[in-house]
Amino acid sequence: MAVEFSAEKLLQVLVRNEAKVAELYTNLATQMEVGKGANLFQLLAEDEKRHEKIYSALLERLPDGGKAEVTEEDMAYLESLMENDMFADAEQSMEKIKGKYTKDEALEIAEKVERDGIMYIYEMQTLFPDLAPKEMKKILNEERKHLQAVLSRGMVDLVKYLRY
């Protein structure tokens, strides 16, 4: 049975998360030594700020008032994703993660953030495949490169490949 889902709500989560992730990465960049992760986190922060702007603009371009028909199972899954999101309580989450971190701890946080971002993009593309496909594909590719950089823990300062 199909139910109505507010994809606008999902996109608003993306907007919020990109802003918070940019703030997180900026904070992490200041904690890392130059040549020991600072460059990576600064570049990631810049990308996330740009993604936030793109997602904000897409809010006004959502077809059908941002409503999409999904199965009850998909609705439960999407609601669960949003309720259990790392930034669901954004202010409290930011207070928790503003502490001091080692490079490895920072990379673990970044790995979760990037995996979640990729998952959300896939869900948006499934719900609205015709919504800014070029922009969504570009952001997806960037988020994948972010995850790759974070997973390549030993190569965090080889950030040149993050740029096209």
C-alpha atoms as a PDB file:
ATOM      1  CA  MET A   1       0.000   0.000   0.000  1.00  0.00           C
ATOM      2  CA  ALA A   2       1.380   3.412  -0.978  1.00  0.00           C
ATOM      3  CA  VAL A   3       1.590   6.270   1.501  1.00  0.00           C
ATOM      4  CA  GLU A   4       2.575   9.887   1.057  1.00  0.00           C
ATOM      5  CA  PHE A   5       6.066  10.852   2.164  1.00  0.00           C
ATOM      6  CA  SER A   6       7.419  14.380   2.515  1.00  0.00           C
ATOM      7  CA  ALA A   7      10.588  14.357   0.463  1.00  0.00           C
ATOM      8  CA  GLU A   8      10.836  18.019   1.380  1.00  0.00           C
ATOM      9  CA  LYS A   9      11.532  16.871   4.940  1.00  0.00           C
ATOM     10  CA  LEU A  10      14.331  14.611   3.686  1.00  0.00           C
ATOM     11  CA  LEU A  11      15.838  17.444   1.654  1.00  0.00           C
ATOM     12  CA  GLN A  12      15.635  19.723   4.699  1.00  0.00           C
ATOM     13  CA  VAL A  13      17.627  17.086   6.611  1.00  0.00           C
ATOM     14  CA  LEU A  14      20.239  17.228   3.847  1.00  0.00           C
ATOM     15  CA  VAL A  15      20.409  21.037   4.061  1.00  0.00           C
ATOM     16  CA  ARG A  16      20.780  20.930   7.848  1.00  0.00           C
ATOM     17  CA  ASN A  17      23.337  18.142   7.747  1.00  0.00           C
ATOM     18  CA  GLU A  18      25.524  19.792   5.134  1.00  0.00           C
ATOM     19  CA  ALA A  19      25.645  22.956   7.251  1.00  0.00           C
ATOM     20  CA  LYS A  20      26.486  21.009  10.395  1.00  0.00           C
ATOM     21  CA  VAL A  21      29.031  18.819   8.620  1.00  0.00           C
ATOM     22  CA  ALA A  22      30.742  21.933   7.238  1.00  0.00           C
ATOM     23  CA  GLU A  23      30.879  23.300  10.788  1.00  0.00           C
ATOM     24  CA  LEU A  24      32.219  19.974  12.071  1.00  0.00           C
ATOM     25  CA  TYR A  25      34.900  19.770   9.387  1.00  0.00           C
ATOM     26  CA  THR A  26      35.957  23.372   9.973  1.00  0.00           C
ATOM     27  CA  ASN A  27      36.315  22.559  13.672  1.00  0.00           C
ATOM     28  CA  LEU A  28      38.289  19.403  12.905  1.00  0.00           C
ATOM     29  CA  ALA A  29      40.561  21.287  10.488  1.00  0.00           C
ATOM     30  CA  THR A  30      41.549  23.664  13.284  1.00  0.00           C
ATOM     31  CA  GLN A  31      42.413  20.707  15.523  1.00  0.00           C
ATOM     32  CA  MET A  32      44.617  18.913  13.026  1.00  0.00           C
ATOM     33  CA  GLU A  33      48.205  19.799  12.293  1.00  0.00           C
ATOM     34  CA  VAL A  34      48.954  21.213   8.865  1.00  0.00           C
ATOM     35  CA  GLY A  35      50.060  18.237   6.840  1.00  0.00           C
ATOM     36  CA  LYS A  36      48.231  15.908   9.249  1.00  0.00           C
ATOM     37  CA  GLY A  37      44.645  16.201   8.090  1.00  0.00           C
ATOM     38  CA  ALA A  38      43.952  19.933   8.318  1.00  0.00           C
ATOM     39  CA  ASN A  39      43.958  20.373   4.536  1.00  0.00           C
ATOM     40  CA  LEU A  40      41.571  17.480   4.020  1.00  0.00           C
ATOM     41  CA  PHE A  41      39.041  18.726   6.547  1.00  0.00           C
ATOM     42  CA  GLN A  42      39.195  22.279   5.190  1.00  0.00           C
ATOM     43  CA  LEU A  43      38.498  21.073   1.641  1.00  0.00           C
ATOM     44  CA  LEU A  44      35.681  18.852   2.871  1.00  0.00           C
ATOM     45  CA  ALA A  45      34.164  21.805   4.749  1.00  0.00           C
ATOM     46  CA  GLU A  46      34.199  23.939   1.595  1.00  0.00           C
ATOM     47  CA  ASP A  47      32.464  21.218  -0.413  1.00  0.00           C
ATOM     48  CA  GLU A  48      29.805  20.697   2.258  1.00  0.00           C
ATOM     49  CA  LYS A  49      29.017  24.439   2.341  1.00  0.00           C
ATOM     50  CA  ARG A  50      28.536  24.359  -1.433  1.00  0.00           C
ATOM     51  CA  HIS A  51      26.318  21.263  -1.166  1.00  0.00           C
ATOM     52  CA  GLU A  52      24.164  23.032   1.426  1.00  0.00           C
ATOM     53  CA  LYS A  53      23.528  25.876  -1.022  1.00  0.00           C
ATOM     54  CA  ILE A  54      22.611  23.477  -3.827  1.00  0.00           C
ATOM     55  CA  TYR A  55      20.198  21.527  -1.616  1.00  0.00           C
ATOM     56  CA  SER A  56      18.628  24.762  -0.351  1.00  0.00           C
ATOM     57  CA  ALA A  57      17.954  25.836  -3.929  1.00  0.00           C
ATOM     58  CA  LEU A  58      16.483  22.415  -4.734  1.00  0.00           C
ATOM     59  CA  LEU A  59      13.892  22.808  -1.990  1.00  0.00           C
ATOM     60  CA  GLU A  60      12.068  25.237  -4.251  1.00  0.00           C
ATOM     61  CA  ARG A  61      12.295  22.908  -7.250  1.00  0.00           C
ATOM     62  CA  LEU A  62      10.748  19.809  -5.695  1.00  0.00           C
ATOM     63  CA  PRO A  63       7.937  18.517  -7.890  1.00  0.00           C
ATOM     64  CA  ASP A  64       4.485  17.700  -6.484  1.00  0.00           C
ATOM     65  CA  GLY A  65       4.991  19.939  -3.460  1.00  0.00           C
ATOM     66  CA  GLY A  66       7.749  17.665  -2.267  1.00  0.00           C
ATOM     67  CA  LYS A  67       5.390  14.731  -1.815  1.00  0.00           C
ATOM     68  CA  ALA A  68       6.220  11.262  -3.048  1.00  0.00           C
ATOM     69  CA  GLU A  69       4.337   7.990  -2.920  1.00  0.00           C
ATOM     70  CA  VAL A  70       6.281   5.263  -1.114  1.00  0.00           C
ATOM     71  CA  THR A  71       5.485   1.905   0.391  1.00  0.00           C
ATOM     72  CA  GLU A  72       4.793   1.702   4.114  1.00  0.00           C
ATOM     73  CA  GLU A  73       8.050  -0.223   4.454  1.00  0.00           C
ATOM     74  CA  ASP A  74       9.993   2.529   2.666  1.00  0.00           C
ATOM     75  CA  MET A  75       8.256   5.151   4.801  1.00  0.00           C
ATOM     76  CA  ALA A  76       9.307   3.363   7.996  1.00  0.00           C
ATOM     77  CA  TYR A  77      12.884   3.109   6.688  1.00  0.00           C
ATOM     78  CA  LEU A  78      13.092   6.785   5.690  1.00  0.00           C
ATOM     79  CA  GLU A  79      11.554   7.964   8.954  1.00  0.00           C
ATOM     80  CA  SER A  80      14.028   5.792  10.864  1.00  0.00           C
ATOM     81  CA  LEU A  81      16.952   7.285   8.929  1.00  0.00           C
ATOM     82  CA  MET A  82      15.865  10.805   9.746  1.00  0.00           C
ATOM     83  CA  GLU A  83      15.002  10.119  13.402  1.00  0.00           C
ATOM     84  CA  ASN A  84      18.341   8.424  14.052  1.00  0.00           C
ATOM     85  CA  ASP A  85      20.438  10.817  12.053  1.00  0.00           C
ATOM     86  CA  MET A  86      23.656  11.991  13.674  1.00  0.00           C
ATOM     87  CA  PHE A  87      22.383  15.575  13.564  1.00  0.00           C
ATOM     88  CA  ALA A  88      18.729  14.899  14.447  1.00  0.00           C
ATOM     89  CA  ASP A  89      19.282  17.059  17.508  1.00  0.00           C
ATOM     90  CA  ALA A  90      21.774  19.299  15.765  1.00  0.00           C
ATOM     91  CA  GLU A  91      22.759  21.585  18.623  1.00  0.00           C
ATOM     92  CA  GLN A  92      23.332  18.822  21.153  1.00  0.00           C
ATOM     93  CA  SER A  93      25.169  16.777  18.539  1.00  0.00           C
ATOM     94  CA  MET A  94      27.484  19.653  17.728  1.00  0.00           C
ATOM     95  CA  GLU A  95      28.282  20.172  21.409  1.00  0.00           C
ATOM     96  CA  LYS A  96      29.223  16.499  21.728  1.00  0.00           C
ATOM     97  CA  ILE A  97      31.496  16.517  18.694  1.00  0.00           C
ATOM     98  CA  LYS A  98      33.224  19.834  19.314  1.00  0.00           C
ATOM     99  CA  GLY A  99      35.680  18.176  21.653  1.00  0.00           C
ATOM    100  CA  LYS A 100      39.289  17.477  20.850  1.00  0.00           C
ATOM    101  CA  TYR A 101      39.921  14.550  18.544  1.00  0.00           C
ATOM    102  CA  THR A 102      42.865  12.648  17.252  1.00  0.00           C
ATOM    103  CA  LYS A 103      43.158  12.350  13.490  1.00  0.00           C
ATOM    104  CA  ASP A 104      41.850   8.766  13.627  1.00  0.00           C
ATOM    105  CA  GLU A 105      38.842   9.734  15.750  1.00  0.00           C
ATOM    106  CA  ALA A 106      38.065  12.624  13.413  1.00  0.00           C
ATOM    107  CA  LEU A 107      38.265  10.309  10.421  1.00  0.00           C
ATOM    108  CA  GLU A 108      35.857   7.842  12.076  1.00  0.00           C
ATOM    109  CA  ILE A 109      33.300  10.618  12.569  1.00  0.00           C
ATOM    110  CA  ALA A 110      33.821  11.792   8.983  1.00  0.00           C
ATOM    111  CA  GLU A 111      33.338   8.244   7.689  1.00  0.00           C
ATOM    112  CA  LYS A 112      29.885   8.011   9.297  1.00  0.00           C
ATOM    113  CA  VAL A 113      28.912  11.458   8.078  1.00  0.00           C
ATOM    114  CA  GLU A 114      29.961  10.718   4.501  1.00  0.00           C
ATOM    115  CA  ARG A 115      28.248   7.311   4.435  1.00  0.00           C
ATOM    116  CA  ASP A 116      25.016   8.915   5.681  1.00  0.00           C
ATOM    117  CA  GLY A 117      25.267  11.651   3.065  1.00  0.00           C
ATOM    118  CA  ILE A 118      25.648   9.103   0.275  1.00  0.00           C
ATOM    119  CA  MET A 119      22.681   7.133   1.577  1.00  0.00           C
ATOM    120  CA  TYR A 120      20.482  10.248   1.640  1.00  0.00           C
ATOM    121  CA  ILE A 121      21.438  11.162  -1.915  1.00  0.00           C
ATOM    122  CA  TYR A 122      20.470   7.705  -3.148  1.00  0.00           C
ATOM    123  CA  GLU A 123      17.101   8.062  -1.436  1.00  0.00           C
ATOM    124  CA  MET A 124      16.483  11.475  -3.021  1.00  0.00           C
ATOM    125  CA  GLN A 125      17.445  10.126  -6.442  1.00  0.00           C
ATOM    126  CA  THR A 126      15.037   7.236  -5.972  1.00  0.00           C
ATOM    127  CA  LEU A 127      12.183   9.507  -4.918  1.00  0.00           C
ATOM    128  CA  PHE A 128      12.832  12.200  -7.534  1.00  0.00           C
ATOM    129  CA  PRO A 129      15.058  10.900 -10.345  1.00  0.00           C
ATOM    130  CA  ASP A 130      14.361  13.990 -12.457  1.00  0.00           C
ATOM    131  CA  LEU A 131      15.238  16.510  -9.740  1.00  0.00           C
ATOM    132  CA  ALA A 132      18.468  18.184 -10.800  1.00  0.00           C
ATOM    133  CA  PRO A 133      20.110  14.945 -11.965  1.00  0.00           C
ATOM    134  CA  LYS A 134      23.375  16.650 -12.958  1.00  0.00           C
ATOM    135  CA  GLU A 135      23.740  18.408  -9.607  1.00  0.00           C
ATOM    136  CA  MET A 136      22.773  15.305  -7.646  1.00  0.00           C
ATOM    137  CA  LYS A 137      25.222  13.164  -9.601  1.00  0.00           C
ATOM    138  CA  LYS A 138      28.015  15.684  -9.021  1.00  0.00           C
ATOM    139  CA  ILE A 139      27.317  15.843  -5.282  1.00  0.00           C
ATOM    140  CA  LEU A 140      27.144  12.047  -5.108  1.00  0.00           C
ATOM    141  CA  ASN A 141      30.513  11.773  -6.841  1.00  0.00           C
ATOM    142  CA  GLU A 142      32.017  14.333  -4.465  1.00  0.00           C
ATOM    143  CA  GLU A 143      30.622  12.554  -1.409  1.00  0.00           C
ATOM    144  CA  ARG A 144      32.057   9.289  -2.698  1.00  0.00           C
ATOM    145  CA  LYS A 145      35.457  10.954  -3.095  1.00  0.00           C
ATOM    146  CA  HIS A 146      35.111  12.335   0.421  1.00  0.00           C
ATOM    147  CA  LEU A 147      34.444   8.851   1.752  1.00  0.00           C
ATOM    148  CA  GLN A 148      37.340   7.456  -0.245  1.00  0.00           C
ATOM    149  CA  ALA A 149      39.671  10.109   1.172  1.00  0.00           C
ATOM    150  CA  VAL A 150      38.484   9.436   4.706  1.00  0.00           C
ATOM    151  CA  LEU A 151      38.836   5.668   4.280  1.00  0.00           C
ATOM    152  CA  SER A 152      42.349   6.121   2.903  1.00  0.00           C
ATOM    153  CA  ARG A 153      43.453   7.197   6.361  1.00  0.00           C
ATOM    154  CA  GLY A 154      47.133   7.066   5.487  1.00  0.00           C
ATOM    155  CA  MET A 155      46.649   9.399   2.530  1.00  0.00           C
ATOM    156  CA  VAL A 156      44.602  12.186   4.129  1.00  0.00           C
ATOM    157  CA  ASP A 157      46.979  14.842   2.924  1.00  0.00           C
ATOM    158  CA  LEU A 158      46.870  13.736  -0.698  1.00  0.00           C
ATOM    159  CA  VAL A 159      43.711  15.784  -1.232  1.00  0.00           C
ATOM    160  CA  LYS A 160      44.341  16.890  -4.811  1.00  0.00           C
ATOM    161  CA  TYR A 161      42.110  14.167  -6.218  1.00  0.00           C
ATOM    162  CA  LEU A 162      39.112  15.628  -4.364  1.00  0.00           C
ATOM    163  CA  ARG A 163      38.916  18.409  -6.921  1.00  0.00           C
ATOM    164  CA  TYR A 164      37.805  17.959 -10.505  1.00  0.00           C
END
